[in-house]
């Protein structure tokens, strides 16, 4: 997991924010796909791919922050 510590925090932050709010003109894909997941309608492969594509930077950012601020204090 040390590879994640090498990714600059600003890069992860920008990627997570941009992919979380895109597209700007309608409901963001990440919110739409999470709603579909909660409703049980996330079935098509393109929708599953979209969830992973838009959600991965946010997950990586959370993991990076936990490793940096929570695990380093122990």
PDB file of N, CA and C in Angstrom:
ATOM      1  N   UNK A   1       0.816  -1.213   0.000  1.00  0.00           N
ATOM      2  CA  UNK A   1       0.000   0.000   0.000  1.00  0.00           C
ATOM      3  C   UNK A   1       0.851   1.265   0.000  1.00  0.00           C
ATOM      4  N   UNK A   2       2.164   1.133  -0.022  1.00  0.00           N
ATOM      5  CA  UNK A   2       3.010   2.322  -0.014  1.00  0.00           C
ATOM      6  C   UNK A   2       2.911   3.118  -1.312  1.00  0.00           C
ATOM      7  N   UNK A   3       2.450   2.476  -2.382  1.00  0.00           N
ATOM      8  CA  UNK A   3       2.312   3.182  -3.651  1.00  0.00           C
ATOM      9  C   UNK A   3       1.305   4.310  -3.552  1.00  0.00           C
ATOM     10  N   UNK A   4       0.308   4.142  -2.699  1.00  0.00           N
ATOM     11  CA  UNK A   4      -0.717   5.186  -2.566  1.00  0.00           C
ATOM     12  C   UNK A   4      -0.150   6.423  -1.859  1.00  0.00           C
ATOM     13  N   UNK A   5       0.860   6.215  -1.022  1.00  0.00           N
ATOM     14  CA  UNK A   5       1.488   7.349  -0.340  1.00  0.00           C
ATOM     15  C   UNK A   5       2.310   8.207  -1.294  1.00  0.00           C
ATOM     16  N   UNK A   6       2.674   7.654  -2.429  1.00  0.00           N
ATOM     17  CA  UNK A   6       3.474   8.393  -3.411  1.00  0.00           C
ATOM     18  C   UNK A   6       2.620   9.296  -4.302  1.00  0.00           C
ATOM     19  N   UNK A   7       1.315   9.085  -4.320  1.00  0.00           N
ATOM     20  CA  UNK A   7       0.427   9.919  -5.138  1.00  0.00           C
ATOM     21  C   UNK A   7       0.229  11.250  -4.413  1.00  0.00           C
ATOM     22  N   UNK A   8       0.500  12.365  -5.085  1.00  0.00           N
ATOM     23  CA  UNK A   8       0.314  13.663  -4.433  1.00  0.00           C
ATOM     24  C   UNK A   8      -1.144  13.863  -3.988  1.00  0.00           C
ATOM     25  N   UNK A   9      -1.299  14.397  -2.797  1.00  0.00           N
ATOM     26  CA  UNK A   9      -2.626  14.600  -2.227  1.00  0.00           C
ATOM     27  C   UNK A   9      -3.458  15.559  -3.076  1.00  0.00           C
ATOM     28  N   UNK A  10      -2.836  16.585  -3.626  1.00  0.00           N
ATOM     29  CA  UNK A  10      -3.587  17.542  -4.444  1.00  0.00           C
ATOM     30  C   UNK A  10      -4.112  16.882  -5.722  1.00  0.00           C
ATOM     31  N   UNK A  11      -3.332  15.988  -6.298  1.00  0.00           N
ATOM     32  CA  UNK A  11      -3.772  15.284  -7.503  1.00  0.00           C
ATOM     33  C   UNK A  11      -4.997  14.435  -7.200  1.00  0.00           C
ATOM     34  N   UNK A  12      -4.955  13.708  -6.101  1.00  0.00           N
ATOM     35  CA  UNK A  12      -6.106  12.890  -5.709  1.00  0.00           C
ATOM     36  C   UNK A  12      -7.323  13.754  -5.412  1.00  0.00           C
ATOM     37  N   UNK A  13      -7.112  14.870  -4.747  1.00  0.00           N
ATOM     38  CA  UNK A  13      -8.216  15.758  -4.399  1.00  0.00           C
ATOM     39  C   UNK A  13      -8.889  16.320  -5.647  1.00  0.00           C
ATOM     40  N   UNK A  14      -8.091  16.794  -6.589  1.00  0.00           N
ATOM     41  CA  UNK A  14      -8.647  17.356  -7.828  1.00  0.00           C
ATOM     42  C   UNK A  14      -9.394  16.285  -8.616  1.00  0.00           C
ATOM     43  N   UNK A  15      -8.786  15.101  -8.751  1.00  0.00           N
ATOM     44  CA  UNK A  15      -9.433  14.016  -9.495  1.00  0.00           C
ATOM     45  C   UNK A  15     -10.734  13.583  -8.824  1.00  0.00           C
ATOM     46  N   UNK A  16     -10.716  13.476  -7.496  1.00  0.00           N
ATOM     47  CA  UNK A  16     -11.916  13.043  -6.770  1.00  0.00           C
ATOM     48  C   UNK A  16     -13.047  14.056  -6.914  1.00  0.00           C
ATOM     49  N   UNK A  17     -12.727  15.314  -6.779  1.00  0.00           N
ATOM     50  CA  UNK A  17     -13.765  16.352  -6.881  1.00  0.00           C
ATOM     51  C   UNK A  17     -14.312  16.427  -8.307  1.00  0.00           C
ATOM     52  N   UNK A  18     -13.426  16.443  -9.289  1.00  0.00           N
ATOM     53  CA  UNK A  18     -13.888  16.545 -10.679  1.00  0.00           C
ATOM     54  C   UNK A  18     -14.751  15.353 -11.083  1.00  0.00           C
ATOM     55  N   UNK A  19     -14.311  14.153 -10.783  1.00  0.00           N
ATOM     56  CA  UNK A  19     -15.088  12.990 -11.198  1.00  0.00           C
ATOM     57  C   UNK A  19     -16.343  12.798 -10.349  1.00  0.00           C
ATOM     58  N   UNK A  20     -16.380  13.396  -9.166  1.00  0.00           N
ATOM     59  CA  UNK A  20     -17.583  13.297  -8.339  1.00  0.00           C
ATOM     60  C   UNK A  20     -18.682  14.231  -8.830  1.00  0.00           C
ATOM     61  N   UNK A  21     -18.324  15.368  -9.418  1.00  0.00           N
ATOM     62  CA  UNK A  21     -19.335  16.354  -9.816  1.00  0.00           C
ATOM     63  C   UNK A  21     -19.657  16.349 -11.308  1.00  0.00           C
ATOM     64  N   UNK A  22     -18.888  15.622 -12.118  1.00  0.00           N
ATOM     65  CA  UNK A  22     -19.153  15.600 -13.554  1.00  0.00           C
ATOM     66  C   UNK A  22     -20.332  14.704 -13.882  1.00  0.00           C
ATOM     67  N   UNK A  23     -21.140  14.980 -14.834  1.00  0.00           N
ATOM     68  CA  UNK A  23     -21.225  16.197 -15.637  1.00  0.00           C
ATOM     69  C   UNK A  23     -21.911  17.318 -14.850  1.00  0.00           C
ATOM     70  N   UNK A  24     -21.540  18.518 -15.188  1.00  0.00           N
ATOM     71  CA  UNK A  24     -22.025  19.681 -14.450  1.00  0.00           C
ATOM     72  C   UNK A  24     -23.457  20.066 -14.807  1.00  0.00           C
ATOM     73  N   UNK A  25     -23.930  19.687 -15.974  1.00  0.00           N
ATOM     74  CA  UNK A  25     -25.244  20.135 -16.450  1.00  0.00           C
ATOM     75  C   UNK A  25     -26.411  19.279 -15.956  1.00  0.00           C
ATOM     76  N   UNK A  26     -26.129  18.143 -15.363  1.00  0.00           N
ATOM     77  CA  UNK A  26     -27.215  17.294 -14.864  1.00  0.00           C
ATOM     78  C   UNK A  26     -26.771  16.634 -13.559  1.00  0.00           C
ATOM     79  N   UNK A  27     -27.477  15.603 -13.141  1.00  0.00           N
ATOM     80  CA  UNK A  27     -27.103  14.887 -11.923  1.00  0.00           C
ATOM     81  C   UNK A  27     -25.722  14.261 -12.110  1.00  0.00           C
ATOM     82  N   UNK A  28     -24.796  14.496 -11.180  1.00  0.00           N
ATOM     83  CA  UNK A  28     -23.466  13.887 -11.299  1.00  0.00           C
ATOM     84  C   UNK A  28     -23.560  12.364 -11.382  1.00  0.00           C
ATOM     85  N   UNK A  29     -22.698  11.778 -12.218  1.00  0.00           N
ATOM     86  CA  UNK A  29     -22.726  10.327 -12.425  1.00  0.00           C
ATOM     87  C   UNK A  29     -22.526   9.560 -11.126  1.00  0.00           C
ATOM     88  N   UNK A  30     -21.641  10.031 -10.268  1.00  0.00           N
ATOM     89  CA  UNK A  30     -21.370   9.301  -9.027  1.00  0.00           C
ATOM     90  C   UNK A  30     -22.622   9.224  -8.161  1.00  0.00           C
ATOM     91  N   UNK A  31     -23.332  10.331  -8.037  1.00  0.00           N
ATOM     92  CA  UNK A  31     -24.575  10.348  -7.252  1.00  0.00           C
ATOM     93  C   UNK A  31     -25.624   9.460  -7.912  1.00  0.00           C
ATOM     94  N   UNK A  32     -25.730   9.570  -9.227  1.00  0.00           N
ATOM     95  CA  UNK A  32     -26.710   8.769  -9.971  1.00  0.00           C
ATOM     96  C   UNK A  32     -26.435   7.274  -9.801  1.00  0.00           C
ATOM     97  N   UNK A  33     -25.167   6.878  -9.911  1.00  0.00           N
ATOM     98  CA  UNK A  33     -24.833   5.457  -9.803  1.00  0.00           C
ATOM     99  C   UNK A  33     -24.971   4.951  -8.371  1.00  0.00           C
ATOM    100  N   UNK A  34     -24.665   5.784  -7.387  1.00  0.00           N
ATOM    101  CA  UNK A  34     -24.865   5.376  -5.992  1.00  0.00           C
ATOM    102  C   UNK A  34     -26.352   5.221  -5.682  1.00  0.00           C
ATOM    103  N   UNK A  35     -27.191   6.090  -6.256  1.00  0.00           N
ATOM    104  CA  UNK A  35     -28.645   5.940  -6.114  1.00  0.00           C
ATOM    105  C   UNK A  35     -29.122   4.644  -6.759  1.00  0.00           C
ATOM    106  N   UNK A  36     -28.576   4.340  -7.930  1.00  0.00           N
ATOM    107  CA  UNK A  36     -28.938   3.094  -8.601  1.00  0.00           C
ATOM    108  C   UNK A  36     -28.501   1.885  -7.773  1.00  0.00           C
ATOM    109  N   UNK A  37     -27.332   1.971  -7.167  1.00  0.00           N
ATOM    110  CA  UNK A  37     -26.842   0.883  -6.316  1.00  0.00           C
ATOM    111  C   UNK A  37     -27.747   0.690  -5.111  1.00  0.00           C
ATOM    112  N   UNK A  38     -28.173   1.782  -4.500  1.00  0.00           N
ATOM    113  CA  UNK A  38     -29.061   1.709  -3.341  1.00  0.00           C
ATOM    114  C   UNK A  38     -30.440   1.158  -3.722  1.00  0.00           C
ATOM    115  N   UNK A  39     -30.902   1.504  -4.924  1.00  0.00           N
ATOM    116  CA  UNK A  39     -32.211   1.028  -5.391  1.00  0.00           C
ATOM    117  C   UNK A  39     -32.169  -0.403  -5.920  1.00  0.00           C
ATOM    118  N   UNK A  40     -30.982  -0.915  -6.162  1.00  0.00           N
ATOM    119  CA  UNK A  40     -30.854  -2.255  -6.715  1.00  0.00           C
ATOM    120  C   UNK A  40     -31.012  -2.304  -8.222  1.00  0.00           C
ATOM    121  N   UNK A  41     -30.857  -1.157  -8.892  1.00  0.00           N
ATOM    122  CA  UNK A  41     -31.025  -1.115 -10.346  1.00  0.00           C
ATOM    123  C   UNK A  41     -29.696  -0.993 -11.085  1.00  0.00           C
ATOM    124  N   UNK A  42     -28.591  -1.126 -10.388  1.00  0.00           N
ATOM    125  CA  UNK A  42     -27.269  -1.038 -11.009  1.00  0.00           C
ATOM    126  C   UNK A  42     -26.932  -2.409 -11.589  1.00  0.00           C
ATOM    127  N   UNK A  43     -27.317  -2.631 -12.846  1.00  0.00           N
ATOM    128  CA  UNK A  43     -27.171  -3.957 -13.448  1.00  0.00           C
ATOM    129  C   UNK A  43     -26.347  -3.944 -14.730  1.00  0.00           C
ATOM    130  N   UNK A  44     -26.464  -2.885 -15.510  1.00  0.00           N
ATOM    131  CA  UNK A  44     -25.769  -2.855 -16.797  1.00  0.00           C
ATOM    132  C   UNK A  44     -24.259  -2.700 -16.587  1.00  0.00           C
ATOM    133  N   UNK A  45     -23.444  -3.389 -17.373  1.00  0.00           N
ATOM    134  CA  UNK A  45     -21.988  -3.285 -17.223  1.00  0.00           C
ATOM    135  C   UNK A  45     -21.465  -1.854 -17.360  1.00  0.00           C
ATOM    136  N   UNK A  46     -22.052  -1.057 -18.246  1.00  0.00           N
ATOM    137  CA  UNK A  46     -21.588   0.322 -18.414  1.00  0.00           C
ATOM    138  C   UNK A  46     -21.844   1.144 -17.152  1.00  0.00           C
ATOM    139  N   UNK A  47     -22.945   0.875 -16.461  1.00  0.00           N
ATOM    140  CA  UNK A  47     -23.242   1.589 -15.219  1.00  0.00           C
ATOM    141  C   UNK A  47     -22.278   1.174 -14.102  1.00  0.00           C
ATOM    142  N   UNK A  48     -21.942  -0.110 -14.054  1.00  0.00           N
ATOM    143  CA  UNK A  48     -20.994  -0.592 -13.050  1.00  0.00           C
ATOM    144  C   UNK A  48     -19.614   0.005 -13.318  1.00  0.00           C
ATOM    145  N   UNK A  49     -19.201   0.025 -14.585  1.00  0.00           N
ATOM    146  CA  UNK A  49     -17.937   0.652 -14.968  1.00  0.00           C
ATOM    147  C   UNK A  49     -17.937   2.131 -14.598  1.00  0.00           C
ATOM    148  N   UNK A  50     -19.028   2.815 -14.856  1.00  0.00           N
ATOM    149  CA  UNK A  50     -19.163   4.238 -14.537  1.00  0.00           C
ATOM    150  C   UNK A  50     -19.011   4.481 -13.036  1.00  0.00           C
ATOM    151  N   UNK A  51     -19.618   3.624 -12.225  1.00  0.00           N
ATOM    152  CA  UNK A  51     -19.486   3.751 -10.769  1.00  0.00           C
ATOM    153  C   UNK A  51     -18.031   3.606 -10.357  1.00  0.00           C
ATOM    154  N   UNK A  52     -17.348   2.608 -10.886  1.00  0.00           N
ATOM    155  CA  UNK A  52     -15.933   2.434 -10.543  1.00  0.00           C
ATOM    156  C   UNK A  52     -15.082   3.589 -11.043  1.00  0.00           C
ATOM    157  N   UNK A  53     -15.342   4.060 -12.249  1.00  0.00           N
ATOM    158  CA  UNK A  53     -14.545   5.145 -12.813  1.00  0.00           C
ATOM    159  C   UNK A  53     -14.709   6.444 -12.016  1.00  0.00           C
ATOM    160  N   UNK A  54     -15.935   6.769 -11.660  1.00  0.00           N
ATOM    161  CA  UNK A  54     -16.189   8.012 -10.944  1.00  0.00           C
ATOM    162  C   UNK A  54     -15.921   7.883  -9.446  1.00  0.00           C
ATOM    163  N   UNK A  55     -15.967   6.670  -8.914  1.00  0.00           N
ATOM    164  CA  UNK A  55     -15.784   6.484  -7.479  1.00  0.00           C
ATOM    165  C   UNK A  55     -14.373   6.181  -7.040  1.00  0.00           C
ATOM    166  N   UNK A  56     -13.545   5.657  -7.931  1.00  0.00           N
ATOM    167  CA  UNK A  56     -12.187   5.249  -7.554  1.00  0.00           C
ATOM    168  C   UNK A  56     -11.345   6.392  -6.998  1.00  0.00           C
ATOM    169  N   UNK A  57     -11.312   7.575  -7.604  1.00  0.00           N
ATOM    170  CA  UNK A  57     -10.505   8.644  -7.018  1.00  0.00           C
ATOM    171  C   UNK A  57     -10.959   9.031  -5.605  1.00  0.00           C
ATOM    172  N   UNK A  58     -12.252   9.002  -5.339  1.00  0.00           N
ATOM    173  CA  UNK A  58     -12.744   9.321  -3.995  1.00  0.00           C
ATOM    174  C   UNK A  58     -12.315   8.269  -2.989  1.00  0.00           C
ATOM    175  N   UNK A  59     -12.383   7.010  -3.386  1.00  0.00           N
ATOM    176  CA  UNK A  59     -11.952   5.926  -2.500  1.00  0.00           C
ATOM    177  C   UNK A  59     -10.453   6.027  -2.235  1.00  0.00           C
ATOM    178  N   UNK A  60      -9.669   6.289  -3.278  1.00  0.00           N
ATOM    179  CA  UNK A  60      -8.230   6.439  -3.098  1.00  0.00           C
ATOM    180  C   UNK A  60      -7.900   7.622  -2.201  1.00  0.00           C
ATOM    181  N   UNK A  61      -8.632   8.718  -2.345  1.00  0.00           N
ATOM    182  CA  UNK A  61      -8.414   9.884  -1.486  1.00  0.00           C
ATOM    183  C   UNK A  61      -8.707   9.552  -0.031  1.00  0.00           C
ATOM    184  N   UNK A  62      -9.779   8.848   0.224  1.00  0.00           N
ATOM    185  CA  UNK A  62     -10.123   8.465   1.597  1.00  0.00           C
ATOM    186  C   UNK A  62      -9.050   7.551   2.179  1.00  0.00           C
ATOM    187  N   UNK A  63      -8.608   6.574   1.404  1.00  0.00           N
ATOM    188  CA  UNK A  63      -7.564   5.662   1.874  1.00  0.00           C
ATOM    189  C   UNK A  63      -6.278   6.427   2.158  1.00  0.00           C
ATOM    190  N   UNK A  64      -5.917   7.340   1.270  1.00  0.00           N
ATOM    191  CA  UNK A  64      -4.691   8.143   1.445  1.00  0.00           C
ATOM    192  C   UNK A  64      -4.780   9.002   2.700  1.00  0.00           C
ATOM    193  N   UNK A  65      -5.919   9.633   2.934  1.00  0.00           N
ATOM    194  CA  UNK A  65      -6.077  10.475   4.120  1.00  0.00           C
ATOM    195  C   UNK A  65      -6.051   9.651   5.400  1.00  0.00           C
ATOM    196  N   UNK A  66      -6.682   8.496   5.384  1.00  0.00           N
ATOM    197  CA  UNK A  66      -6.667   7.624   6.571  1.00  0.00           C
ATOM    198  C   UNK A  66      -5.236   7.174   6.847  1.00  0.00           C
ATOM    199  N   UNK A  67      -4.513   6.770   5.815  1.00  0.00           N
ATOM    200  CA  UNK A  67      -3.128   6.330   6.014  1.00  0.00           C
ATOM    201  C   UNK A  67      -2.258   7.461   6.518  1.00  0.00           C
ATOM    202  N   UNK A  68      -2.505   8.678   6.047  1.00  0.00           N
ATOM    203  CA  UNK A  68      -1.656   9.802   6.423  1.00  0.00           C
ATOM    204  C   UNK A  68      -1.975  10.340   7.818  1.00  0.00           C
ATOM    205  N   UNK A  69      -3.255  10.477   8.147  1.00  0.00           N
ATOM    206  CA  UNK A  69      -3.610  11.162   9.380  1.00  0.00           C
ATOM    207  C   UNK A  69      -4.018  10.254  10.525  1.00  0.00           C
ATOM    208  N   UNK A  70      -4.577   9.099  10.242  1.00  0.00           N
ATOM    209  CA  UNK A  70      -5.055   8.216  11.304  1.00  0.00           C
ATOM    210  C   UNK A  70      -3.990   7.186  11.659  1.00  0.00           C
ATOM    211  N   UNK A  71      -3.454   6.521  10.664  1.00  0.00           N
ATOM    212  CA  UNK A  71      -2.504   5.449  10.927  1.00  0.00           C
ATOM    213  C   UNK A  71      -1.138   5.957  11.350  1.00  0.00           C
ATOM    214  N   UNK A  72      -0.742   7.168  10.936  1.00  0.00           N
ATOM    215  CA  UNK A  72       0.542   7.723  11.341  1.00  0.00           C
ATOM    216  C   UNK A  72       0.570   8.144  12.800  1.00  0.00           C
ATOM    217  N   UNK A  73      -0.586   8.373  13.399  1.00  0.00           N
ATOM    218  CA  UNK A  73      -0.638   8.812  14.790  1.00  0.00           C
ATOM    219  C   UNK A  73      -0.418   7.657  15.753  1.00  0.00           C
ATOM    220  N   UNK A  74      -0.541   6.433  15.267  1.00  0.00           N
ATOM    221  CA  UNK A  74      -0.383   5.263  16.152  1.00  0.00           C
ATOM    222  C   UNK A  74       1.071   4.935  16.382  1.00  0.00           C
TER     223      UNK A  74
END
